[in-house]
C-alpha cells in the first residue's frame, strides 16, 4: 500500500478581524472540519490538524507531506476551498517527488507558496 499524502491544516489560523475565541470558530479550524468532511471517504489522503505553522499573515495555511517527497506549505486558503485542496493534494501525490510542474499547478498553489523543504528535512 502506498503511503497516504498528509494534508496539514493550521487550526489556529484566523482571518483579520476574526475573534480569538472560541478557537473552534477560527477559519483554520473550520477549514480543517471542511477538509475532514470532503476527504472522509478518501483512502489516499489523511487530514492532519496542526496547532500553528507561524504563518499568521497568510491564513489559512496548509501543507502537503509524504514520505520521500518535498514538503510544501501554502497560505491564503479561504473557507470552502476544501475540494480544490483535495484535488491539489492528488496532483502532489501523483508527482514522484512531490514537485508539481508549474504549468499544472492550480492558481491557489502558484500564488500561495510559503515554503518548500526537501525530503527528509
N, C-alpha and C. Protein backbone atom coordinates (compact mmCIF):
# COMPACT_ATOMS: atom_id res chain seq x y z
N UNK A 1 0.83 -1.18 0.00
CA UNK A 1 0.00 0.00 0.00
C UNK A 1 0.88 1.25 0.00
N UNK A 2 0.55 2.19 -0.82
CA UNK A 2 1.27 3.45 -0.89
C UNK A 2 0.89 4.31 0.31
N UNK A 3 1.90 4.99 0.85
CA UNK A 3 1.64 5.88 1.98
C UNK A 3 0.71 7.01 1.56
N UNK A 4 -0.17 7.37 2.45
CA UNK A 4 -1.10 8.46 2.18
C UNK A 4 -0.38 9.80 2.17
N UNK A 5 -0.89 10.70 1.34
CA UNK A 5 -0.44 12.08 1.39
C UNK A 5 -1.13 12.73 2.57
N UNK A 6 -0.36 13.43 3.37
CA UNK A 6 -0.94 14.13 4.51
C UNK A 6 -1.22 15.57 4.10
N UNK A 7 -2.43 16.02 4.39
CA UNK A 7 -2.80 17.42 4.20
C UNK A 7 -2.85 18.02 5.60
N UNK A 8 -1.90 18.89 5.88
CA UNK A 8 -1.81 19.53 7.17
C UNK A 8 -2.62 20.83 7.13
N UNK A 9 -3.41 21.08 8.15
CA UNK A 9 -4.23 22.29 8.20
C UNK A 9 -3.99 22.99 9.54
N UNK A 10 -3.57 24.25 9.48
CA UNK A 10 -3.36 25.03 10.69
C UNK A 10 -4.71 25.38 11.30
N UNK A 11 -4.97 24.82 12.47
CA UNK A 11 -6.27 25.04 13.10
C UNK A 11 -6.33 26.34 13.90
N UNK A 12 -5.18 26.96 14.13
CA UNK A 12 -5.17 28.23 14.88
C UNK A 12 -5.28 29.45 13.97
N UNK A 13 -5.17 29.25 12.67
CA UNK A 13 -5.25 30.38 11.74
C UNK A 13 -6.58 31.11 11.90
N UNK A 14 -6.51 32.41 11.89
CA UNK A 14 -7.74 33.20 11.91
C UNK A 14 -7.58 34.37 10.94
N UNK A 15 -8.68 34.74 10.35
CA UNK A 15 -8.70 35.85 9.41
C UNK A 15 -8.64 37.17 10.18
N UNK A 16 -8.19 38.21 9.50
CA UNK A 16 -8.14 39.54 10.12
C UNK A 16 -9.52 39.91 10.66
N UNK A 17 -9.55 40.40 11.88
CA UNK A 17 -10.81 40.80 12.48
C UNK A 17 -11.61 39.68 13.11
N UNK A 18 -11.18 38.44 12.90
CA UNK A 18 -11.89 37.30 13.46
C UNK A 18 -11.56 37.18 14.96
N UNK A 19 -12.54 36.93 15.82
CA UNK A 19 -12.25 36.81 17.25
C UNK A 19 -11.30 35.66 17.55
N UNK A 20 -10.50 35.81 18.60
CA UNK A 20 -9.56 34.76 19.00
C UNK A 20 -10.27 33.55 19.60
N UNK A 21 -11.37 33.78 20.24
CA UNK A 21 -12.10 32.70 20.91
C UNK A 21 -13.55 32.71 20.45
N UNK A 22 -14.19 31.59 20.40
CA UNK A 22 -13.63 30.28 20.70
C UNK A 22 -12.75 29.77 19.55
N UNK A 23 -11.73 29.05 19.92
CA UNK A 23 -10.73 28.57 18.95
C UNK A 23 -11.37 27.76 17.83
N UNK A 24 -12.39 26.97 18.14
CA UNK A 24 -13.02 26.12 17.11
C UNK A 24 -13.79 26.92 16.07
N UNK A 25 -13.99 28.20 16.30
CA UNK A 25 -14.67 29.04 15.31
C UNK A 25 -13.70 29.77 14.38
N UNK A 26 -12.41 29.62 14.62
CA UNK A 26 -11.42 30.26 13.75
C UNK A 26 -11.47 29.63 12.36
N UNK A 27 -11.06 30.41 11.38
CA UNK A 27 -11.09 29.94 9.99
C UNK A 27 -10.31 28.64 9.80
N UNK A 28 -9.16 28.52 10.45
CA UNK A 28 -8.36 27.30 10.31
C UNK A 28 -9.08 26.07 10.82
N UNK A 29 -9.73 26.19 11.96
CA UNK A 29 -10.50 25.06 12.50
C UNK A 29 -11.67 24.71 11.60
N UNK A 30 -12.31 25.74 11.08
CA UNK A 30 -13.44 25.48 10.19
C UNK A 30 -12.98 24.81 8.90
N UNK A 31 -11.84 25.27 8.32
CA UNK A 31 -11.33 24.64 7.10
C UNK A 31 -10.90 23.20 7.40
N UNK A 32 -10.31 22.97 8.55
CA UNK A 32 -9.94 21.61 8.93
C UNK A 32 -11.18 20.70 8.92
N UNK A 33 -12.28 21.17 9.50
CA UNK A 33 -13.51 20.37 9.52
C UNK A 33 -14.04 20.15 8.11
N UNK A 34 -13.97 21.17 7.27
CA UNK A 34 -14.39 21.01 5.86
C UNK A 34 -13.53 19.95 5.17
N UNK A 35 -12.20 20.03 5.39
CA UNK A 35 -11.30 19.05 4.77
C UNK A 35 -11.63 17.64 5.24
N UNK A 36 -11.85 17.47 6.53
CA UNK A 36 -12.17 16.15 7.07
C UNK A 36 -13.45 15.61 6.45
N UNK A 37 -14.43 16.48 6.25
CA UNK A 37 -15.70 16.05 5.65
C UNK A 37 -15.52 15.67 4.19
N UNK A 38 -14.82 16.51 3.43
CA UNK A 38 -14.62 16.26 2.00
C UNK A 38 -13.80 14.99 1.77
N UNK A 39 -12.85 14.72 2.67
CA UNK A 39 -11.96 13.58 2.48
C UNK A 39 -12.37 12.37 3.31
N UNK A 40 -13.55 12.39 3.88
CA UNK A 40 -13.99 11.31 4.78
C UNK A 40 -13.91 9.92 4.14
N UNK A 41 -14.20 9.81 2.87
CA UNK A 41 -14.19 8.52 2.19
C UNK A 41 -12.91 8.28 1.38
N UNK A 42 -11.99 9.23 1.43
CA UNK A 42 -10.75 9.11 0.64
C UNK A 42 -9.78 8.17 1.34
N UNK A 43 -9.22 7.24 0.57
CA UNK A 43 -8.23 6.34 1.15
C UNK A 43 -6.81 6.72 0.76
N UNK A 44 -6.65 7.86 0.06
CA UNK A 44 -5.33 8.27 -0.41
C UNK A 44 -4.77 9.48 0.32
N UNK A 45 -5.58 10.09 1.20
CA UNK A 45 -5.11 11.25 1.95
C UNK A 45 -5.48 11.12 3.42
N UNK A 46 -4.72 11.82 4.24
CA UNK A 46 -5.02 11.91 5.67
C UNK A 46 -5.02 13.39 6.02
N UNK A 47 -6.06 13.85 6.67
CA UNK A 47 -6.17 15.25 7.08
C UNK A 47 -5.64 15.36 8.50
N UNK A 48 -4.63 16.21 8.69
CA UNK A 48 -3.94 16.32 9.98
C UNK A 48 -4.05 17.75 10.51
N UNK A 49 -4.63 17.91 11.70
CA UNK A 49 -4.67 19.24 12.30
C UNK A 49 -3.29 19.60 12.85
N UNK A 50 -2.89 20.84 12.63
CA UNK A 50 -1.62 21.34 13.15
C UNK A 50 -1.95 22.58 13.97
N UNK A 51 -1.35 22.70 15.15
CA UNK A 51 -1.70 23.82 16.02
C UNK A 51 -1.25 25.16 15.46
N UNK A 52 -0.08 25.23 14.82
CA UNK A 52 0.37 26.53 14.28
C UNK A 52 1.57 26.33 13.38
N UNK A 53 1.55 26.97 12.22
CA UNK A 53 2.71 26.99 11.32
C UNK A 53 3.50 28.29 11.45
N UNK A 54 3.01 29.24 12.24
CA UNK A 54 3.62 30.57 12.41
C UNK A 54 3.67 31.33 11.09
N UNK A 55 2.61 31.21 10.32
CA UNK A 55 2.47 31.95 9.06
C UNK A 55 1.20 32.81 9.20
N UNK A 56 1.14 33.55 10.27
CA UNK A 56 -0.09 34.25 10.66
C UNK A 56 -0.55 35.31 9.66
N UNK A 57 0.34 35.79 8.83
CA UNK A 57 -0.06 36.79 7.84
C UNK A 57 -0.61 36.16 6.57
N UNK A 58 -0.70 34.82 6.52
CA UNK A 58 -1.18 34.12 5.32
C UNK A 58 -2.24 33.08 5.65
N UNK A 59 -3.26 33.42 6.46
CA UNK A 59 -4.26 32.41 6.81
C UNK A 59 -5.17 32.09 5.64
N UNK A 60 -5.62 30.92 5.52
CA UNK A 60 -5.34 29.75 6.32
C UNK A 60 -4.18 29.02 5.63
N UNK A 61 -3.25 28.52 6.45
CA UNK A 61 -2.07 27.83 5.93
C UNK A 61 -2.29 26.33 5.96
N UNK A 62 -1.89 25.67 4.87
CA UNK A 62 -1.99 24.21 4.76
C UNK A 62 -0.63 23.68 4.31
N UNK A 63 -0.44 22.38 4.40
CA UNK A 63 0.78 21.76 3.92
C UNK A 63 0.49 20.41 3.29
N UNK A 64 1.39 20.00 2.42
CA UNK A 64 1.35 18.66 1.84
C UNK A 64 2.65 17.97 2.21
N UNK A 65 2.56 16.75 2.70
CA UNK A 65 3.75 15.98 3.05
C UNK A 65 3.51 14.51 2.77
N UNK A 66 4.57 13.85 2.29
CA UNK A 66 4.54 12.40 2.06
C UNK A 66 5.98 11.90 2.07
N UNK A 67 6.15 10.65 2.43
CA UNK A 67 7.46 10.04 2.51
C UNK A 67 8.22 10.18 1.19
N UNK A 68 9.46 10.66 1.26
CA UNK A 68 10.32 10.75 0.08
C UNK A 68 10.00 11.90 -0.85
N UNK A 69 9.10 12.81 -0.44
CA UNK A 69 8.71 13.93 -1.29
C UNK A 69 9.04 15.27 -0.63
N UNK A 70 9.11 16.28 -1.44
CA UNK A 70 9.24 17.63 -0.93
C UNK A 70 8.00 17.95 -0.12
N UNK A 71 8.18 18.70 0.96
CA UNK A 71 7.06 19.17 1.78
C UNK A 71 6.77 20.61 1.37
N UNK A 72 5.51 20.92 1.18
CA UNK A 72 5.10 22.27 0.78
C UNK A 72 4.19 22.88 1.83
N UNK A 73 4.34 24.19 2.05
CA UNK A 73 3.39 24.98 2.82
C UNK A 73 2.79 26.01 1.88
N UNK A 74 1.48 26.17 1.97
CA UNK A 74 0.74 27.14 1.15
C UNK A 74 -0.14 27.97 2.07
N UNK A 75 -0.29 29.24 1.74
CA UNK A 75 -1.14 30.11 2.53
C UNK A 75 -2.27 30.69 1.71
N UNK A 76 -3.13 31.41 2.41
CA UNK A 76 -4.22 32.18 1.80
C UNK A 76 -5.39 31.33 1.30
N UNK A 77 -5.71 30.26 2.03
CA UNK A 77 -6.85 29.43 1.62
C UNK A 77 -8.11 29.88 2.34
N UNK A 78 -9.11 30.29 1.59
CA UNK A 78 -10.39 30.68 2.20
C UNK A 78 -11.22 29.44 2.54
N UNK A 79 -12.26 29.66 3.31
CA UNK A 79 -13.21 28.59 3.57
C UNK A 79 -13.83 28.18 2.23
N UNK A 80 -14.36 27.00 2.20
CA UNK A 80 -14.98 26.42 1.00
C UNK A 80 -13.96 26.08 -0.08
N UNK A 81 -12.67 25.99 0.29
CA UNK A 81 -11.66 25.60 -0.69
C UNK A 81 -11.24 24.14 -0.51
N UNK A 82 -11.90 23.41 0.38
CA UNK A 82 -11.52 22.02 0.64
C UNK A 82 -11.49 21.14 -0.62
N UNK A 83 -12.49 21.21 -1.51
CA UNK A 83 -12.42 20.36 -2.70
C UNK A 83 -11.19 20.66 -3.58
N UNK A 84 -10.85 21.93 -3.74
CA UNK A 84 -9.69 22.27 -4.58
C UNK A 84 -8.39 21.88 -3.89
N UNK A 85 -8.35 21.96 -2.56
CA UNK A 85 -7.15 21.50 -1.83
C UNK A 85 -6.98 19.99 -2.01
N UNK A 86 -8.07 19.25 -1.93
CA UNK A 86 -8.01 17.80 -2.11
C UNK A 86 -7.53 17.46 -3.52
N UNK A 87 -8.03 18.16 -4.53
CA UNK A 87 -7.57 17.95 -5.91
C UNK A 87 -6.07 18.24 -6.04
N UNK A 88 -5.62 19.32 -5.42
CA UNK A 88 -4.20 19.69 -5.48
C UNK A 88 -3.34 18.65 -4.77
N UNK A 89 -3.83 18.12 -3.67
CA UNK A 89 -3.09 17.08 -2.94
C UNK A 89 -2.91 15.84 -3.80
N UNK A 90 -3.88 15.56 -4.63
CA UNK A 90 -3.77 14.40 -5.51
C UNK A 90 -2.76 14.65 -6.63
N UNK A 91 -2.64 15.87 -7.09
CA UNK A 91 -1.58 16.21 -8.04
C UNK A 91 -0.22 16.02 -7.37
N UNK A 92 -0.11 16.47 -6.14
CA UNK A 92 1.12 16.30 -5.35
C UNK A 92 1.44 14.81 -5.22
N UNK A 93 0.44 14.01 -4.87
CA UNK A 93 0.65 12.57 -4.70
C UNK A 93 1.11 11.90 -5.99
N UNK A 94 0.61 12.37 -7.12
CA UNK A 94 0.96 11.78 -8.42
C UNK A 94 2.38 12.14 -8.87
N UNK A 95 2.94 13.21 -8.33
CA UNK A 95 4.29 13.62 -8.70
C UNK A 95 5.29 12.79 -7.89
N UNK A 96 6.20 12.08 -8.54
CA UNK A 96 7.12 11.18 -7.82
C UNK A 96 7.88 11.84 -6.67
N UNK A 97 8.24 13.10 -6.83
CA UNK A 97 9.00 13.81 -5.80
C UNK A 97 8.18 14.90 -5.11
N UNK A 98 6.90 14.99 -5.46
CA UNK A 98 6.03 16.00 -4.88
C UNK A 98 6.08 17.34 -5.59
N UNK A 99 6.94 17.46 -6.58
CA UNK A 99 7.09 18.71 -7.31
C UNK A 99 6.10 18.73 -8.48
N UNK A 100 5.05 19.50 -8.32
CA UNK A 100 4.03 19.62 -9.37
C UNK A 100 4.55 20.62 -10.40
N UNK A 101 4.63 20.24 -11.67
CA UNK A 101 5.09 21.20 -12.68
C UNK A 101 4.27 22.49 -12.61
N UNK A 102 4.97 23.62 -12.72
CA UNK A 102 4.35 24.94 -12.58
C UNK A 102 3.10 25.08 -13.43
N UNK A 103 3.16 24.64 -14.67
CA UNK A 103 2.03 24.80 -15.59
C UNK A 103 0.82 23.96 -15.19
N UNK A 104 1.03 22.93 -14.36
CA UNK A 104 -0.07 22.07 -13.92
C UNK A 104 -0.66 22.47 -12.57
N UNK A 105 -0.01 23.41 -11.90
CA UNK A 105 -0.47 23.82 -10.57
C UNK A 105 -1.72 24.67 -10.66
N UNK A 106 -2.68 24.40 -9.78
CA UNK A 106 -3.83 25.30 -9.68
C UNK A 106 -3.35 26.69 -9.24
N UNK A 107 -4.07 27.73 -9.61
CA UNK A 107 -3.67 29.09 -9.27
C UNK A 107 -3.42 29.27 -7.78
N UNK A 108 -4.24 28.67 -6.94
CA UNK A 108 -4.07 28.82 -5.49
C UNK A 108 -2.70 28.33 -5.04
N UNK A 109 -2.16 27.31 -5.71
CA UNK A 109 -0.84 26.82 -5.35
C UNK A 109 0.26 27.71 -5.91
N UNK A 110 0.06 28.25 -7.08
CA UNK A 110 1.05 29.17 -7.66
C UNK A 110 1.20 30.41 -6.80
N UNK A 111 0.07 30.95 -6.35
CA UNK A 111 0.07 32.20 -5.60
C UNK A 111 0.35 31.98 -4.11
N UNK A 112 0.06 30.81 -3.61
CA UNK A 112 0.08 30.60 -2.17
C UNK A 112 1.32 29.99 -1.57
N UNK A 113 2.37 29.72 -2.36
CA UNK A 113 3.55 29.05 -1.82
C UNK A 113 4.18 29.88 -0.71
N UNK A 114 4.34 29.25 0.44
CA UNK A 114 5.03 29.87 1.56
C UNK A 114 6.46 29.33 1.64
N UNK A 115 6.58 28.00 1.53
CA UNK A 115 7.89 27.37 1.56
C UNK A 115 7.83 25.94 1.04
N UNK A 116 9.00 25.43 0.76
CA UNK A 116 9.11 24.01 0.44
C UNK A 116 10.39 23.50 1.09
N UNK A 117 10.35 22.25 1.53
CA UNK A 117 11.50 21.64 2.20
C UNK A 117 11.80 20.32 1.53
N UNK A 118 13.08 20.00 1.38
CA UNK A 118 13.43 18.75 0.72
C UNK A 118 13.03 17.52 1.54
N UNK A 119 12.91 16.40 0.86
CA UNK A 119 12.56 15.17 1.57
C UNK A 119 13.54 14.89 2.71
N UNK A 120 12.99 14.42 3.81
CA UNK A 120 13.83 14.05 4.94
C UNK A 120 14.35 15.23 5.75
N UNK A 121 13.91 16.44 5.40
CA UNK A 121 14.42 17.61 6.15
C UNK A 121 13.71 17.74 7.47
